[in-house]
Every structure is written in structure tokens, then in C-alpha cells.
Amino acid sequence: MPAPSACWTSSGPVGPRCIAFMRRVRAGGTSYTLVRNADREAVAKALGAGFVAWVGQSRDDVRLTARGAAYLDQLARVE
């Protein structure tokens, strides 16, 4: 059973830092520019899980994928 602070995906644990990162990406609209060190740490997990994708050639801009949006929606519905 996963630790209370971890949420599970098919590819492994995605912790609260990654979830907070994905919420910032969603709030950013069509793209989000990585600005914090915490963003750079969380982006690898989010990319690996298929929750975000790079925008263009830049390695500073990401967007939320449909899978990432569905995951955040699922988290919002859980009581």
C-alpha cells in the first residue's frame, strides 16, 4: 500500500510536489515556463508518467497532457 503522501499511477509514485507542479502547469493555460528548482525536479516524474509534454524545442516550457488533466480531475473527485 502506498504511503499517504504518495499518489500512484501506472508508472509508479507521483508525490505531492509533482501534483503541485501539475496544478501550476494547468493554471498556466496553454503552456507553463519552468521557473523554480522544484519545477525542474518534478518535471521528470510528470514527463515519465505522461502528464506533461514539452512545448516546441524549448526545455523550459511544458503543457499539461490530456492524461495529466484527467489525473488532476480524478484527484479532485476523490474524497
C-alpha atoms as a PDB file:
ATOM      1  CA  MET A   1       0.000   0.000   0.000  1.00  0.00           C
ATOM      2  CA  PRO A   2       1.450   3.435  -0.917  1.00  0.00           C
ATOM      3  CA  ALA A   3       2.439   5.946   1.713  1.00  0.00           C
ATOM      4  CA  PRO A   4      -0.268   8.550   2.464  1.00  0.00           C
ATOM      5  CA  SER A   5       1.830  11.294   0.843  1.00  0.00           C
ATOM      6  CA  ALA A   6       2.202   9.422  -2.449  1.00  0.00           C
ATOM      7  CA  CYS A   7      -0.315   9.089  -5.248  1.00  0.00           C
ATOM      8  CA  TRP A   8       0.102   6.157  -7.610  1.00  0.00           C
ATOM      9  CA  THR A   9      -0.005   5.979 -11.358  1.00  0.00           C
ATOM     10  CA  SER A  10       0.569   3.012 -13.616  1.00  0.00           C
ATOM     11  CA  SER A  11       4.215   4.059 -13.878  1.00  0.00           C
ATOM     12  CA  GLY A  12       4.880   4.457 -10.153  1.00  0.00           C
ATOM     13  CA  PRO A  13       4.502   7.009  -7.379  1.00  0.00           C
ATOM     14  CA  VAL A  14       3.889  10.662  -8.114  1.00  0.00           C
ATOM     15  CA  GLY A  15       4.266  12.616  -4.927  1.00  0.00           C
ATOM     16  CA  PRO A  16       2.711  15.852  -3.721  1.00  0.00           C
ATOM     17  CA  ARG A  17       5.470  18.017  -5.240  1.00  0.00           C
ATOM     18  CA  CYS A  18       4.694  16.663  -8.698  1.00  0.00           C
ATOM     19  CA  ILE A  19       0.956  17.138  -8.166  1.00  0.00           C
ATOM     20  CA  ALA A  20       1.526  20.758  -7.087  1.00  0.00           C
ATOM     21  CA  PHE A  21       3.695  21.248 -10.193  1.00  0.00           C
ATOM     22  CA  MET A  22       0.955  19.868 -12.442  1.00  0.00           C
ATOM     23  CA  ARG A  23      -1.549  22.234 -10.855  1.00  0.00           C
ATOM     24  CA  ARG A  24       0.765  25.171 -11.652  1.00  0.00           C
ATOM     25  CA  VAL A  25       1.059  23.924 -15.235  1.00  0.00           C
ATOM     26  CA  ARG A  26      -2.746  23.737 -15.516  1.00  0.00           C
ATOM     27  CA  ALA A  27      -3.103  27.254 -14.102  1.00  0.00           C
ATOM     28  CA  GLY A  28      -0.555  28.472 -16.674  1.00  0.00           C
ATOM     29  CA  GLY A  29      -3.004  27.906 -19.517  1.00  0.00           C
ATOM     30  CA  THR A  30      -1.623  26.671 -22.828  1.00  0.00           C
ATOM     31  CA  SER A  31       1.962  26.497 -21.543  1.00  0.00           C
ATOM     32  CA  TYR A  32       3.968  26.928 -18.370  1.00  0.00           C
ATOM     33  CA  THR A  33       7.564  28.093 -18.129  1.00  0.00           C
ATOM     34  CA  LEU A  34       9.726  26.265 -15.590  1.00  0.00           C
ATOM     35  CA  VAL A  35      10.957  28.873 -13.125  1.00  0.00           C
ATOM     36  CA  ARG A  36      11.555  27.105  -9.831  1.00  0.00           C
ATOM     37  CA  ASN A  37      14.086  24.456  -8.879  1.00  0.00           C
ATOM     38  CA  ALA A  38      11.145  22.408  -7.590  1.00  0.00           C
ATOM     39  CA  ASP A  39       9.658  22.563 -11.106  1.00  0.00           C
ATOM     40  CA  ARG A  40      12.798  21.067 -12.588  1.00  0.00           C
ATOM     41  CA  GLU A  41      12.752  18.227 -10.070  1.00  0.00           C
ATOM     42  CA  ALA A  42       9.058  17.465 -10.636  1.00  0.00           C
ATOM     43  CA  VAL A  43       9.093  17.717 -14.427  1.00  0.00           C
ATOM     44  CA  ALA A  44      10.966  14.415 -14.816  1.00  0.00           C
ATOM     45  CA  LYS A  45       8.277  12.489 -12.914  1.00  0.00           C
ATOM     46  CA  ALA A  46       5.460  14.262 -14.739  1.00  0.00           C
ATOM     47  CA  LEU A  47       7.070  13.626 -18.134  1.00  0.00           C
ATOM     48  CA  GLY A  48       7.697   9.985 -17.266  1.00  0.00           C
ATOM     49  CA  ALA A  49       4.074   9.479 -16.298  1.00  0.00           C
ATOM     50  CA  GLY A  50       2.870  11.214 -19.479  1.00  0.00           C
ATOM     51  CA  PHE A  51       1.199  14.027 -17.540  1.00  0.00           C
ATOM     52  CA  VAL A  52       3.083  16.884 -19.217  1.00  0.00           C
ATOM     53  CA  ALA A  53       4.866  17.361 -22.545  1.00  0.00           C
ATOM     54  CA  TRP A  54       7.466  19.796 -23.811  1.00  0.00           C
ATOM     55  CA  VAL A  55       6.243  22.729 -25.883  1.00  0.00           C
ATOM     56  CA  GLY A  56       8.289  23.100 -29.061  1.00  0.00           C
ATOM     57  CA  GLN A  57      12.071  22.861 -28.916  1.00  0.00           C
ATOM     58  CA  SER A  58      12.385  24.661 -25.593  1.00  0.00           C
ATOM     59  CA  ARG A  59      13.244  22.687 -22.480  1.00  0.00           C
ATOM     60  CA  ASP A  60      11.735  25.442 -20.350  1.00  0.00           C
ATOM     61  CA  ASP A  61       8.084  25.276 -21.451  1.00  0.00           C
ATOM     62  CA  VAL A  62       5.637  22.443 -20.798  1.00  0.00           C
ATOM     63  CA  ARG A  63       1.934  21.843 -21.261  1.00  0.00           C
ATOM     64  CA  LEU A  64      -0.468  19.554 -19.446  1.00  0.00           C
ATOM     65  CA  THR A  65      -1.480  16.497 -21.482  1.00  0.00           C
ATOM     66  CA  ALA A  66      -4.993  15.075 -21.597  1.00  0.00           C
ATOM     67  CA  ARG A  67      -3.759  12.271 -19.342  1.00  0.00           C
ATOM     68  CA  GLY A  68      -2.424  14.809 -16.836  1.00  0.00           C
ATOM     69  CA  ALA A  69      -5.677  16.769 -16.857  1.00  0.00           C
ATOM     70  CA  ALA A  70      -7.668  13.572 -16.317  1.00  0.00           C
ATOM     71  CA  TYR A  71      -5.399  12.602 -13.407  1.00  0.00           C
ATOM     72  CA  LEU A  72      -5.858  16.002 -11.722  1.00  0.00           C
ATOM     73  CA  ASP A  73      -9.616  15.767 -12.277  1.00  0.00           C
ATOM     74  CA  GLN A  74      -9.617  12.308 -10.702  1.00  0.00           C
ATOM     75  CA  LEU A  75      -7.718  13.612  -7.674  1.00  0.00           C
ATOM     76  CA  ALA A  76     -10.217  16.447  -7.309  1.00  0.00           C
ATOM     77  CA  ARG A  77     -13.125  13.984  -7.216  1.00  0.00           C
ATOM     78  CA  VAL A  78     -11.589  11.738  -4.527  1.00  0.00           C
ATOM     79  CA  GLU A  79     -12.844  12.470  -1.032  1.00  0.00           C
END
